Amino acid sequence: VRQKDDLYIQSFVNEVNRLIDQYERLSRFNDEFYHMVLSEISDLIYRLEKEKKCDVQTQKELLLNIHKRLTELRKIYNIKL
């Protein structure tokens, strides 16, 4: 956008750029979220199946780790739920 362009055009372009940035940020978050959740939950399932008597404390730790990583991702990408 050039300085001499109409104010409405500048505003429009700025808004489109903001939306593109937001889309890219959400897309990266989505990719990382999917990968992280899939990997953490797969680990939990594996442990539960492998260790038929997986104690409650271990299960709790695994779930808390998933929660912690999700919270970190939300902060990194500034996602508000």
C-alpha atoms as a PDB file:
ATOM      1  CA  VAL A   1       0.000   0.000   0.000  1.00  0.00           C
ATOM      2  CA  ARG A   2       1.350   3.393  -0.928  1.00  0.00           C
ATOM      3  CA  GLN A   3       1.113   6.554   1.143  1.00  0.00           C
ATOM      4  CA  LYS A   4      -1.085   8.258  -1.422  1.00  0.00           C
ATOM      5  CA  ASP A   5      -3.611   5.400  -1.586  1.00  0.00           C
ATOM      6  CA  ASP A   6      -7.035   6.056  -0.239  1.00  0.00           C
ATOM      7  CA  LEU A   7      -7.399   5.654   3.530  1.00  0.00           C
ATOM      8  CA  TYR A   8     -10.124   3.038   3.043  1.00  0.00           C
ATOM      9  CA  ILE A   9      -7.881   0.964   0.806  1.00  0.00           C
ATOM     10  CA  GLN A  10      -5.063   1.185   3.351  1.00  0.00           C
ATOM     11  CA  SER A  11      -7.455   0.131   6.100  1.00  0.00           C
ATOM     12  CA  PHE A  12      -8.762  -2.726   4.043  1.00  0.00           C
ATOM     13  CA  VAL A  13      -5.273  -3.983   3.188  1.00  0.00           C
ATOM     14  CA  ASN A  14      -4.192  -3.713   6.830  1.00  0.00           C
ATOM     15  CA  GLU A  15      -7.217  -5.701   7.918  1.00  0.00           C
ATOM     16  CA  VAL A  16      -6.609  -8.377   5.281  1.00  0.00           C
ATOM     17  CA  ASN A  17      -2.970  -8.625   6.415  1.00  0.00           C
ATOM     18  CA  ARG A  18      -4.104  -8.965  10.023  1.00  0.00           C
ATOM     19  CA  LEU A  19      -6.495 -11.764   9.057  1.00  0.00           C
ATOM     20  CA  ILE A  20      -3.778 -13.551   7.087  1.00  0.00           C
ATOM     21  CA  ASP A  21      -1.413 -13.330  10.067  1.00  0.00           C
ATOM     22  CA  GLN A  22      -4.098 -14.648  12.373  1.00  0.00           C
ATOM     23  CA  TYR A  23      -4.906 -17.492   9.995  1.00  0.00           C
ATOM     24  CA  GLU A  24      -1.232 -18.470   9.737  1.00  0.00           C
ATOM     25  CA  ARG A  25      -0.830 -18.369  13.529  1.00  0.00           C
ATOM     26  CA  LEU A  26      -3.917 -20.528  14.028  1.00  0.00           C
ATOM     27  CA  SER A  27      -2.786 -22.907  11.323  1.00  0.00           C
ATOM     28  CA  ARG A  28       0.603 -23.407  13.020  1.00  0.00           C
ATOM     29  CA  PHE A  29      -1.149 -23.860  16.354  1.00  0.00           C
ATOM     30  CA  ASN A  30      -3.492 -26.407  14.797  1.00  0.00           C
ATOM     31  CA  ASP A  31      -0.599 -28.393  13.323  1.00  0.00           C
ATOM     32  CA  GLU A  32       1.344 -28.448  16.572  1.00  0.00           C
ATOM     33  CA  PHE A  33      -1.773 -29.122  18.610  1.00  0.00           C
ATOM     34  CA  TYR A  34      -2.740 -32.090  16.466  1.00  0.00           C
ATOM     35  CA  HIS A  35       0.772 -33.525  16.503  1.00  0.00           C
ATOM     36  CA  MET A  36       1.209 -33.036  20.246  1.00  0.00           C
ATOM     37  CA  VAL A  37      -2.201 -34.393  21.238  1.00  0.00           C
ATOM     38  CA  LEU A  38      -1.868 -37.371  18.944  1.00  0.00           C
ATOM     39  CA  SER A  39       1.589 -38.209  20.243  1.00  0.00           C
ATOM     40  CA  GLU A  40       0.739 -37.724  23.939  1.00  0.00           C
ATOM     41  CA  ILE A  41      -2.509 -39.659  23.753  1.00  0.00           C
ATOM     42  CA  SER A  42      -0.820 -42.423  21.763  1.00  0.00           C
ATOM     43  CA  ASP A  43       1.783 -42.649  24.517  1.00  0.00           C
ATOM     44  CA  LEU A  44      -0.937 -42.854  27.150  1.00  0.00           C
ATOM     45  CA  ILE A  45      -2.787 -45.586  25.244  1.00  0.00           C
ATOM     46  CA  TYR A  46       0.430 -47.507  24.687  1.00  0.00           C
ATOM     47  CA  ARG A  47       1.292 -47.392  28.377  1.00  0.00           C
ATOM     48  CA  LEU A  48      -2.195 -48.405  29.422  1.00  0.00           C
ATOM     49  CA  GLU A  49      -2.158 -51.361  27.053  1.00  0.00           C
ATOM     50  CA  LYS A  50       1.430 -52.373  27.743  1.00  0.00           C
ATOM     51  CA  GLU A  51       1.228 -51.983  31.473  1.00  0.00           C
ATOM     52  CA  LYS A  52      -2.157 -53.519  32.104  1.00  0.00           C
ATOM     53  CA  LYS A  53      -1.896 -52.390  35.670  1.00  0.00           C
ATOM     54  CA  CYS A  54      -0.733 -48.844  34.973  1.00  0.00           C
ATOM     55  CA  ASP A  55      -1.187 -47.143  38.320  1.00  0.00           C
ATOM     56  CA  VAL A  56      -3.446 -44.162  38.782  1.00  0.00           C
ATOM     57  CA  GLN A  57      -0.541 -41.865  39.613  1.00  0.00           C
ATOM     58  CA  THR A  58       1.135 -42.600  36.271  1.00  0.00           C
ATOM     59  CA  GLN A  59      -2.130 -42.022  34.432  1.00  0.00           C
ATOM     60  CA  LYS A  60      -2.601 -38.764  36.292  1.00  0.00           C
ATOM     61  CA  GLU A  61       0.937 -37.617  35.422  1.00  0.00           C
ATOM     62  CA  LEU A  62       0.448 -38.426  31.757  1.00  0.00           C
ATOM     63  CA  LEU A  63      -2.832 -36.502  31.624  1.00  0.00           C
ATOM     64  CA  LEU A  64      -1.351 -33.561  33.508  1.00  0.00           C
ATOM     65  CA  ASN A  65       1.522 -33.489  31.035  1.00  0.00           C
ATOM     66  CA  ILE A  66      -0.955 -33.320  28.147  1.00  0.00           C
ATOM     67  CA  HIS A  67      -2.740 -30.460  29.877  1.00  0.00           C
ATOM     68  CA  LYS A  68       0.532 -28.633  30.530  1.00  0.00           C
ATOM     69  CA  ARG A  69       1.660 -28.929  26.906  1.00  0.00           C
ATOM     70  CA  LEU A  70      -1.709 -27.732  25.630  1.00  0.00           C
ATOM     71  CA  THR A  71      -1.560 -24.729  27.944  1.00  0.00           C
ATOM     72  CA  GLU A  72       1.943 -23.928  26.719  1.00  0.00           C
ATOM     73  CA  LEU A  73       0.808 -24.096  23.099  1.00  0.00           C
ATOM     74  CA  ARG A  74      -2.090 -21.774  23.836  1.00  0.00           C
ATOM     75  CA  LYS A  75       0.302 -19.249  25.365  1.00  0.00           C
ATOM     76  CA  ILE A  76       2.806 -19.509  22.524  1.00  0.00           C
ATOM     77  CA  TYR A  77       0.122 -18.841  19.919  1.00  0.00           C
ATOM     78  CA  ASN A  78      -1.941 -16.531  22.098  1.00  0.00           C
ATOM     79  CA  ILE A  79      -5.083 -18.626  21.708  1.00  0.00           C
ATOM     80  CA  LYS A  80      -8.026 -17.676  23.878  1.00  0.00           C
ATOM     81  CA  LEU A  81     -10.706 -20.234  24.567  1.00  0.00           C
END
